[in-house]
């Protein structure tokens, strides 16, 4: 599973963006969010194991992703 990690100027993660496969199409009244890379921040693409797609809890996802994020070359 590929995710995009947004790192700040110090190299700390501030956001993780993932695509949920099989998600229902958005209706006209549903919210849509988009991450924009601010000056000094940088997106990095990271490959995570497929079992990450089953993680629904954001804190659990972030905690388990930390070792993968730490390997990002800045």
PDB file of N, CA and C in Angstrom:
ATOM      1  N   UNK A   1       0.854  -1.171   0.000  1.00  0.00           N
ATOM      2  CA  UNK A   1       0.000   0.000   0.000  1.00  0.00           C
ATOM      3  C   UNK A   1       0.898   1.232   0.000  1.00  0.00           C
ATOM      4  N   UNK A   2       0.609   2.149  -0.881  1.00  0.00           N
ATOM      5  CA  UNK A   2       1.374   3.391  -0.953  1.00  0.00           C
ATOM      6  C   UNK A   2       0.631   4.500  -0.204  1.00  0.00           C
ATOM      7  N   UNK A   3       1.398   5.283   0.546  1.00  0.00           N
ATOM      8  CA  UNK A   3       0.864   6.460   1.213  1.00  0.00           C
ATOM      9  C   UNK A   3       1.801   7.622   0.909  1.00  0.00           C
ATOM     10  N   UNK A   4       1.297   8.820   1.107  1.00  0.00           N
ATOM     11  CA  UNK A   4       2.141  10.003   1.013  1.00  0.00           C
ATOM     12  C   UNK A   4       2.253  10.591   2.406  1.00  0.00           C
ATOM     13  N   UNK A   5       3.490  10.882   2.811  1.00  0.00           N
ATOM     14  CA  UNK A   5       3.755  11.452   4.126  1.00  0.00           C
ATOM     15  C   UNK A   5       4.247  12.882   3.915  1.00  0.00           C
ATOM     16  N   UNK A   6       3.637  13.821   4.618  1.00  0.00           N
ATOM     17  CA  UNK A   6       4.055  15.214   4.548  1.00  0.00           C
ATOM     18  C   UNK A   6       4.959  15.494   5.741  1.00  0.00           C
ATOM     19  N   UNK A   7       6.220  15.863   5.448  1.00  0.00           N
ATOM     20  CA  UNK A   7       7.181  16.183   6.498  1.00  0.00           C
ATOM     21  C   UNK A   7       7.359  17.692   6.575  1.00  0.00           C
ATOM     22  N   UNK A   8       7.508  18.190   7.806  1.00  0.00           N
ATOM     23  CA  UNK A   8       7.730  19.621   7.977  1.00  0.00           C
ATOM     24  C   UNK A   8       9.203  19.955   7.759  1.00  0.00           C
ATOM     25  N   UNK A   9       9.585  21.190   8.030  1.00  0.00           N
ATOM     26  CA  UNK A   9      10.950  21.656   7.786  1.00  0.00           C
ATOM     27  C   UNK A   9      11.991  20.916   8.616  1.00  0.00           C
ATOM     28  N   UNK A  10      11.570  20.375   9.756  1.00  0.00           N
ATOM     29  CA  UNK A  10      12.487  19.622  10.617  1.00  0.00           C
ATOM     30  C   UNK A  10      12.473  18.121  10.309  1.00  0.00           C
ATOM     31  N   UNK A  11      11.674  17.710   9.333  1.00  0.00           N
ATOM     32  CA  UNK A  11      11.598  16.302   8.963  1.00  0.00           C
ATOM     33  C   UNK A  11      10.615  15.506   9.796  1.00  0.00           C
ATOM     34  N   UNK A  12       9.737  16.188  10.530  1.00  0.00           N
ATOM     35  CA  UNK A  12       8.733  15.505  11.344  1.00  0.00           C
ATOM     36  C   UNK A  12       7.447  15.344  10.528  1.00  0.00           C
ATOM     37  N   UNK A  13       6.792  14.181  10.629  1.00  0.00           N
ATOM     38  CA  UNK A  13       5.553  13.982   9.876  1.00  0.00           C
ATOM     39  C   UNK A  13       4.422  14.839  10.437  1.00  0.00           C
ATOM     40  N   UNK A  14       3.703  15.500   9.538  1.00  0.00           N
ATOM     41  CA  UNK A  14       2.562  16.311   9.948  1.00  0.00           C
ATOM     42  C   UNK A  14       1.256  15.781   9.368  1.00  0.00           C
ATOM     43  N   UNK A  15       1.361  14.911   8.358  1.00  0.00           N
ATOM     44  CA  UNK A  15       0.152  14.325   7.758  1.00  0.00           C
ATOM     45  C   UNK A  15       0.530  13.066   6.990  1.00  0.00           C
ATOM     46  N   UNK A  16      -0.414  12.130   6.974  1.00  0.00           N
ATOM     47  CA  UNK A  16      -0.281  10.924   6.167  1.00  0.00           C
ATOM     48  C   UNK A  16      -1.531  10.841   5.307  1.00  0.00           C
ATOM     49  N   UNK A  17      -1.330  10.710   4.006  1.00  0.00           N
ATOM     50  CA  UNK A  17      -2.442  10.633   3.073  1.00  0.00           C
ATOM     51  C   UNK A  17      -2.481   9.227   2.490  1.00  0.00           C
ATOM     52  N   UNK A  18      -3.646   8.595   2.570  1.00  0.00           N
ATOM     53  CA  UNK A  18      -3.792   7.271   1.979  1.00  0.00           C
ATOM     54  C   UNK A  18      -5.091   7.211   1.192  1.00  0.00           C
ATOM     55  N   UNK A  19      -5.098   6.351   0.195  1.00  0.00           N
ATOM     56  CA  UNK A  19      -6.290   6.134  -0.610  1.00  0.00           C
ATOM     57  C   UNK A  19      -6.946   4.858  -0.124  1.00  0.00           C
ATOM     58  N   UNK A  20      -8.236   4.909   0.077  1.00  0.00           N
ATOM     59  CA  UNK A  20      -8.966   3.725   0.516  1.00  0.00           C
ATOM     60  C   UNK A  20      -9.575   3.076  -0.719  1.00  0.00           C
ATOM     61  N   UNK A  21      -9.049   1.902  -1.045  1.00  0.00           N
ATOM     62  CA  UNK A  21      -9.537   1.190  -2.225  1.00  0.00           C
ATOM     63  C   UNK A  21     -10.946   0.671  -1.977  1.00  0.00           C
ATOM     64  N   UNK A  22     -11.777   0.772  -2.980  1.00  0.00           N
ATOM     65  CA  UNK A  22     -13.136   0.284  -2.869  1.00  0.00           C
ATOM     66  C   UNK A  22     -14.064   1.238  -2.143  1.00  0.00           C
ATOM     67  N   UNK A  23     -13.597   2.448  -1.861  1.00  0.00           N
ATOM     68  CA  UNK A  23     -14.454   3.417  -1.184  1.00  0.00           C
ATOM     69  C   UNK A  23     -15.595   3.825  -2.112  1.00  0.00           C
ATOM     70  N   UNK A  24     -16.738   4.057  -1.529  1.00  0.00           N
ATOM     71  CA  UNK A  24     -17.914   4.447  -2.316  1.00  0.00           C
ATOM     72  C   UNK A  24     -17.677   5.824  -2.932  1.00  0.00           C
ATOM     73  N   UNK A  25     -18.225   6.052  -4.110  1.00  0.00           N
ATOM     74  CA  UNK A  25     -18.082   7.382  -4.714  1.00  0.00           C
ATOM     75  C   UNK A  25     -18.694   8.451  -3.820  1.00  0.00           C
ATOM     76  N   UNK A  26     -18.128   9.637  -3.878  1.00  0.00           N
ATOM     77  CA  UNK A  26     -18.636  10.736  -3.049  1.00  0.00           C
ATOM     78  C   UNK A  26     -19.944  11.264  -3.612  1.00  0.00           C
ATOM     79  N   UNK A  27     -20.851  11.540  -2.727  1.00  0.00           N
ATOM     80  CA  UNK A  27     -22.093  12.193  -3.113  1.00  0.00           C
ATOM     81  C   UNK A  27     -21.903  13.700  -3.086  1.00  0.00           C
ATOM     82  N   UNK A  28     -22.875  14.417  -3.572  1.00  0.00           N
ATOM     83  CA  UNK A  28     -22.727  15.873  -3.653  1.00  0.00           C
ATOM     84  C   UNK A  28     -22.646  16.544  -2.292  1.00  0.00           C
ATOM     85  N   UNK A  29     -23.132  15.904  -1.232  1.00  0.00           N
ATOM     86  CA  UNK A  29     -23.115  16.521   0.095  1.00  0.00           C
ATOM     87  C   UNK A  29     -21.978  16.016   0.979  1.00  0.00           C
ATOM     88  N   UNK A  30     -21.090  15.179   0.447  1.00  0.00           N
ATOM     89  CA  UNK A  30     -19.990  14.658   1.253  1.00  0.00           C
ATOM     90  C   UNK A  30     -18.790  15.586   1.163  1.00  0.00           C
ATOM     91  N   UNK A  31     -17.997  15.597   2.231  1.00  0.00           N
ATOM     92  CA  UNK A  31     -16.790  16.410   2.289  1.00  0.00           C
ATOM     93  C   UNK A  31     -15.690  15.792   1.460  1.00  0.00           C
ATOM     94  N   UNK A  32     -14.808  16.632   0.980  1.00  0.00           N
ATOM     95  CA  UNK A  32     -13.613  16.208   0.257  1.00  0.00           C
ATOM     96  C   UNK A  32     -12.455  17.019   0.821  1.00  0.00           C
ATOM     97  N   UNK A  33     -11.329  16.370   1.067  1.00  0.00           N
ATOM     98  CA  UNK A  33     -10.161  17.075   1.595  1.00  0.00           C
ATOM     99  C   UNK A  33      -8.971  16.852   0.675  1.00  0.00           C
ATOM    100  N   UNK A  34      -8.116  17.842   0.622  1.00  0.00           N
ATOM    101  CA  UNK A  34      -6.912  17.755  -0.189  1.00  0.00           C
ATOM    102  C   UNK A  34      -5.774  18.370   0.607  1.00  0.00           C
ATOM    103  N   UNK A  35      -4.637  17.683   0.659  1.00  0.00           N
ATOM    104  CA  UNK A  35      -3.473  18.223   1.353  1.00  0.00           C
ATOM    105  C   UNK A  35      -2.654  19.060   0.375  1.00  0.00           C
ATOM    106  N   UNK A  36      -2.244  20.221   0.816  1.00  0.00           N
ATOM    107  CA  UNK A  36      -1.420  21.107   0.007  1.00  0.00           C
ATOM    108  C   UNK A  36      -0.063  21.223   0.692  1.00  0.00           C
ATOM    109  N   UNK A  37       0.986  21.091  -0.090  1.00  0.00           N
ATOM    110  CA  UNK A  37       2.347  21.121   0.435  1.00  0.00           C
ATOM    111  C   UNK A  37       2.781  22.571   0.702  1.00  0.00           C
ATOM    112  N   UNK A  38       2.828  22.994   1.989  1.00  0.00           N
ATOM    113  CA  UNK A  38       3.259  24.353   2.282  1.00  0.00           C
ATOM    114  C   UNK A  38       4.758  24.529   2.020  1.00  0.00           C
ATOM    115  N   UNK A  39       5.188  25.767   1.907  1.00  0.00           N
ATOM    116  CA  UNK A  39       6.604  26.058   1.713  1.00  0.00           C
ATOM    117  C   UNK A  39       7.409  25.459   2.864  1.00  0.00           C
ATOM    118  N   UNK A  40       8.480  24.768   2.520  1.00  0.00           N
ATOM    119  CA  UNK A  40       9.333  24.144   3.527  1.00  0.00           C
ATOM    120  C   UNK A  40       8.929  22.730   3.889  1.00  0.00           C
ATOM    121  N   UNK A  41       7.733  22.319   3.509  1.00  0.00           N
ATOM    122  CA  UNK A  41       7.263  20.960   3.755  1.00  0.00           C
ATOM    123  C   UNK A  41       7.446  20.154   2.473  1.00  0.00           C
ATOM    124  N   UNK A  42       7.508  18.832   2.606  1.00  0.00           N
ATOM    125  CA  UNK A  42       7.709  18.001   1.425  1.00  0.00           C
ATOM    126  C   UNK A  42       6.969  16.689   1.565  1.00  0.00           C
ATOM    127  N   UNK A  43       6.280  16.288   0.482  1.00  0.00           N
ATOM    128  CA  UNK A  43       5.630  14.982   0.428  1.00  0.00           C
ATOM    129  C   UNK A  43       6.654  13.907   0.062  1.00  0.00           C
ATOM    130  N   UNK A  44       6.493  12.746   0.666  1.00  0.00           N
ATOM    131  CA  UNK A  44       7.313  11.581   0.346  1.00  0.00           C
ATOM    132  C   UNK A  44       6.371  10.392   0.182  1.00  0.00           C
ATOM    133  N   UNK A  45       6.594   9.589  -0.846  1.00  0.00           N
ATOM    134  CA  UNK A  45       5.783   8.388  -1.036  1.00  0.00           C
ATOM    135  C   UNK A  45       6.446   7.233  -0.293  1.00  0.00           C
ATOM    136  N   UNK A  46       5.648   6.483   0.454  1.00  0.00           N
ATOM    137  CA  UNK A  46       6.153   5.384   1.275  1.00  0.00           C
ATOM    138  C   UNK A  46       5.335   4.131   0.971  1.00  0.00           C
ATOM    139  N   UNK A  47       6.018   3.011   0.816  1.00  0.00           N
ATOM    140  CA  UNK A  47       5.344   1.716   0.658  1.00  0.00           C
ATOM    141  C   UNK A  47       5.162   1.090   2.039  1.00  0.00           C
ATOM    142  N   UNK A  48       3.929   0.751   2.362  1.00  0.00           N
ATOM    143  CA  UNK A  48       3.619   0.071   3.621  1.00  0.00           C
ATOM    144  C   UNK A  48       3.098  -1.322   3.299  1.00  0.00           C
ATOM    145  N   UNK A  49       3.220  -2.272   4.228  1.00  0.00           N
ATOM    146  CA  UNK A  49       2.664  -3.611   4.000  1.00  0.00           C
ATOM    147  C   UNK A  49       1.159  -3.549   3.755  1.00  0.00           C
ATOM    148  N   UNK A  50       0.650  -4.498   2.989  1.00  0.00           N
ATOM    149  CA  UNK A  50      -0.768  -4.521   2.614  1.00  0.00           C
ATOM    150  C   UNK A  50      -1.714  -4.552   3.812  1.00  0.00           C
ATOM    151  N   UNK A  51      -1.278  -5.127   4.938  1.00  0.00           N
ATOM    152  CA  UNK A  51      -2.180  -5.221   6.090  1.00  0.00           C
ATOM    153  C   UNK A  51      -2.513  -3.845   6.689  1.00  0.00           C
ATOM    154  N   UNK A  52      -1.799  -2.803   6.303  1.00  0.00           N
ATOM    155  CA  UNK A  52      -2.111  -1.459   6.779  1.00  0.00           C
ATOM    156  C   UNK A  52      -3.470  -0.995   6.270  1.00  0.00           C
ATOM    157  N   UNK A  53      -3.936  -1.540   5.151  1.00  0.00           N
ATOM    158  CA  UNK A  53      -5.242  -1.142   4.613  1.00  0.00           C
ATOM    159  C   UNK A  53      -6.376  -1.498   5.563  1.00  0.00           C
ATOM    160  N   UNK A  54      -6.161  -2.459   6.440  1.00  0.00           N
ATOM    161  CA  UNK A  54      -7.213  -2.906   7.362  1.00  0.00           C
ATOM    162  C   UNK A  54      -7.244  -2.091   8.654  1.00  0.00           C
ATOM    163  N   UNK A  55      -6.248  -1.243   8.883  1.00  0.00           N
ATOM    164  CA  UNK A  55      -6.184  -0.449  10.110  1.00  0.00           C
ATOM    165  C   UNK A  55      -7.146   0.724   9.992  1.00  0.00           C
ATOM    166  N   UNK A  56      -8.085   0.813  10.917  1.00  0.00           N
ATOM    167  CA  UNK A  56      -9.075   1.880  10.892  1.00  0.00           C
ATOM    168  C   UNK A  56      -8.779   2.981  11.900  1.00  0.00           C
ATOM    169  N   UNK A  57      -8.045   2.665  12.948  1.00  0.00           N
ATOM    170  CA  UNK A  57      -7.737   3.637  13.985  1.00  0.00           C
ATOM    171  C   UNK A  57      -6.535   4.483  13.559  1.00  0.00           C
ATOM    172  N   UNK A  58      -6.710   5.803  13.498  1.00  0.00           N
ATOM    173  CA  UNK A  58      -5.660   6.695  13.013  1.00  0.00           C
ATOM    174  C   UNK A  58      -4.399   6.624  13.874  1.00  0.00           C
ATOM    175  N   UNK A  59      -4.552   6.593  15.188  1.00  0.00           N
ATOM    176  CA  UNK A  59      -3.378   6.549  16.062  1.00  0.00           C
ATOM    177  C   UNK A  59      -2.620   5.242  15.881  1.00  0.00           C
ATOM    178  N   UNK A  60      -3.325   4.125  15.768  1.00  0.00           N
ATOM    179  CA  UNK A  60      -2.682   2.825  15.534  1.00  0.00           C
ATOM    180  C   UNK A  60      -1.946   2.847  14.200  1.00  0.00           C
ATOM    181  N   UNK A  61      -2.568   3.394  13.165  1.00  0.00           N
ATOM    182  CA  UNK A  61      -1.942   3.491  11.843  1.00  0.00           C
ATOM    183  C   UNK A  61      -0.643   4.293  11.945  1.00  0.00           C
ATOM    184  N   UNK A  62      -0.723   5.464  12.577  1.00  0.00           N
ATOM    185  CA  UNK A  62       0.443   6.333  12.709  1.00  0.00           C
ATOM    186  C   UNK A  62       1.554   5.648  13.502  1.00  0.00           C
ATOM    187  N   UNK A  63       1.210   5.024  14.606  1.00  0.00           N
ATOM    188  CA  UNK A  63       2.205   4.355  15.448  1.00  0.00           C
ATOM    189  C   UNK A  63       2.906   3.242  14.677  1.00  0.00           C
ATOM    190  N   UNK A  64       2.134   2.429  13.977  1.00  0.00           N
ATOM    191  CA  UNK A  64       2.721   1.309  13.226  1.00  0.00           C
ATOM    192  C   UNK A  64       3.501   1.777  11.999  1.00  0.00           C
ATOM    193  N   UNK A  65       3.178   2.955  11.487  1.00  0.00           N
ATOM    194  CA  UNK A  65       3.875   3.487  10.311  1.00  0.00           C
ATOM    195  C   UNK A  65       5.202   4.150  10.673  1.00  0.00           C
ATOM    196  N   UNK A  66       5.408   4.493  11.931  1.00  0.00           N
ATOM    197  CA  UNK A  66       6.607   5.220  12.344  1.00  0.00           C
ATOM    198  C   UNK A  66       7.925   4.602  11.860  1.00  0.00           C
ATOM    199  N   UNK A  67       8.139   3.294  11.989  1.00  0.00           N
ATOM    200  CA  UNK A  67       9.414   2.739  11.502  1.00  0.00           C
ATOM    201  C   UNK A  67       9.614   2.943   9.995  1.00  0.00           C
ATOM    202  N   UNK A  68       8.543   2.922   9.249  1.00  0.00           N
ATOM    203  CA  UNK A  68       8.617   3.124   7.786  1.00  0.00           C
ATOM    204  C   UNK A  68       8.901   4.597   7.476  1.00  0.00           C
ATOM    205  N   UNK A  69       8.287   5.501   8.237  1.00  0.00           N
ATOM    206  CA  UNK A  69       8.489   6.927   8.037  1.00  0.00           C
ATOM    207  C   UNK A  69       9.917   7.315   8.407  1.00  0.00           C
ATOM    208  N   UNK A  70      10.467   6.687   9.429  1.00  0.00           N
ATOM    209  CA  UNK A  70      11.822   7.005   9.881  1.00  0.00           C
ATOM    210  C   UNK A  70      12.868   6.713   8.808  1.00  0.00           C
ATOM    211  N   UNK A  71      12.538   5.840   7.856  1.00  0.00           N
ATOM    212  CA  UNK A  71      13.490   5.484   6.777  1.00  0.00           C
ATOM    213  C   UNK A  71      13.471   6.465   5.610  1.00  0.00           C
ATOM    214  N   UNK A  72      12.606   7.461   5.649  1.00  0.00           N
ATOM    215  CA  UNK A  72      12.531   8.435   4.556  1.00  0.00           C
ATOM    216  C   UNK A  72      13.829   9.218   4.496  1.00  0.00           C
ATOM    217  N   UNK A  73      14.400   9.303   3.303  1.00  0.00           N
ATOM    218  CA  UNK A  73      15.611  10.103   3.102  1.00  0.00           C
ATOM    219  C   UNK A  73      15.198  11.546   2.890  1.00  0.00           C
ATOM    220  N   UNK A  74      15.695  12.415   3.719  1.00  0.00           N
ATOM    221  CA  UNK A  74      15.308  13.831   3.671  1.00  0.00           C
ATOM    222  C   UNK A  74      16.260  14.627   2.840  1.00  0.00           C
TER     223      UNK A  74
END
